Amino acid sequence: MDWKTIIGLWWYDYVHFPLWHRFGSKESKREIKEALKKRRKEGGCSAWRTYLAEHPEVAKYDWEKEFVKDIKG
């Protein structure tokens, strides 16, 4: 890794995320959780679909079960 990447990772790990985690409002955290939940219910992202393809037992919602059934087809 180059020095810019190392500094960027250090900044995120030790400054940005801890500050947001500590001082972020409960409303903003709730909004983020709701947005992620909504996205997952509506079809998820490609990474989640790949994970479902490899681990069909974690399918929770109807669309996930249909996706797994179509893969096994």
Protein backbone atom coordinates (compact mmCIF):
# COMPACT_ATOMS: atom_id res chain seq x y z
CA MET A 1 0.00 0.00 0.00
CA ASP A 2 1.13 3.48 -0.68
CA TRP A 3 1.31 6.14 2.04
CA LYS A 4 -1.91 7.87 0.91
CA THR A 5 -3.90 4.69 1.38
CA ILE A 6 -2.34 4.04 4.76
CA ILE A 7 -3.15 7.56 5.97
CA GLY A 8 -6.68 7.29 4.59
CA LEU A 9 -7.30 4.02 6.39
CA TRP A 10 -5.80 5.38 9.60
CA TRP A 11 -8.01 8.48 9.37
CA TYR A 12 -11.15 6.40 8.90
CA ASP A 13 -10.29 3.85 11.63
CA TYR A 14 -9.10 6.26 14.31
CA VAL A 15 -10.75 9.62 13.59
CA HIS A 16 -13.76 9.59 11.26
CA PHE A 17 -15.65 6.47 12.35
CA PRO A 18 -15.14 6.85 16.12
CA LEU A 19 -16.31 10.48 15.96
CA TRP A 20 -19.39 9.61 13.95
CA HIS A 21 -20.12 6.61 16.17
CA ARG A 22 -19.77 8.70 19.30
CA PHE A 23 -21.35 11.97 18.24
CA GLY A 24 -23.67 11.00 15.38
CA SER A 25 -27.29 11.67 16.23
CA LYS A 26 -29.60 8.80 17.00
CA GLU A 27 -31.84 10.01 14.19
CA SER A 28 -29.07 9.77 11.59
CA LYS A 29 -28.15 6.27 12.78
CA ARG A 30 -31.83 5.25 12.66
CA GLU A 31 -32.23 6.70 9.16
CA ILE A 32 -29.21 4.76 7.92
CA LYS A 33 -30.48 1.50 9.44
CA GLU A 34 -33.93 2.04 7.90
CA ALA A 35 -32.42 2.81 4.48
CA LEU A 36 -30.30 -0.34 4.58
CA LYS A 37 -33.28 -2.43 5.70
CA LYS A 38 -35.41 -0.99 2.87
CA ARG A 39 -32.71 -1.67 0.29
CA ARG A 40 -32.35 -5.26 1.45
CA LYS A 41 -36.12 -5.81 1.29
CA GLU A 42 -36.23 -4.38 -2.24
CA GLY A 43 -33.62 -6.69 -3.70
CA GLY A 44 -30.30 -5.96 -2.10
CA CYS A 45 -27.02 -5.33 -3.85
CA SER A 46 -24.88 -7.60 -5.98
CA ALA A 47 -22.64 -8.47 -3.03
CA TRP A 48 -25.67 -9.67 -1.05
CA ARG A 49 -26.92 -11.72 -4.01
CA THR A 50 -23.49 -13.33 -4.36
CA TYR A 51 -23.50 -14.14 -0.65
CA LEU A 52 -26.99 -15.65 -0.96
CA ALA A 53 -25.83 -17.80 -3.85
CA GLU A 54 -23.07 -19.21 -1.66
CA HIS A 55 -25.13 -19.40 1.57
CA PRO A 56 -28.80 -20.06 0.70
CA GLU A 57 -29.66 -20.88 4.33
CA VAL A 58 -29.54 -17.17 5.29
CA ALA A 59 -32.45 -16.25 2.99
CA LYS A 60 -34.95 -14.36 5.14
CA TYR A 61 -37.31 -12.43 2.84
CA ASP A 62 -39.53 -13.74 0.07
CA TRP A 63 -37.44 -12.21 -2.71
CA GLU A 64 -34.33 -13.87 -1.24
CA LYS A 65 -36.02 -17.26 -1.15
CA GLU A 66 -37.18 -16.81 -4.76
CA PHE A 67 -33.65 -15.79 -5.78
CA VAL A 68 -32.19 -18.92 -4.17
CA LYS A 69 -34.88 -21.11 -5.75
CA ASP A 70 -34.14 -19.65 -9.20
CA ILE A 71 -30.41 -20.32 -8.78
CA LYS A 72 -31.00 -23.94 -7.80
CA GLY A 73 -33.61 -24.08 -10.56
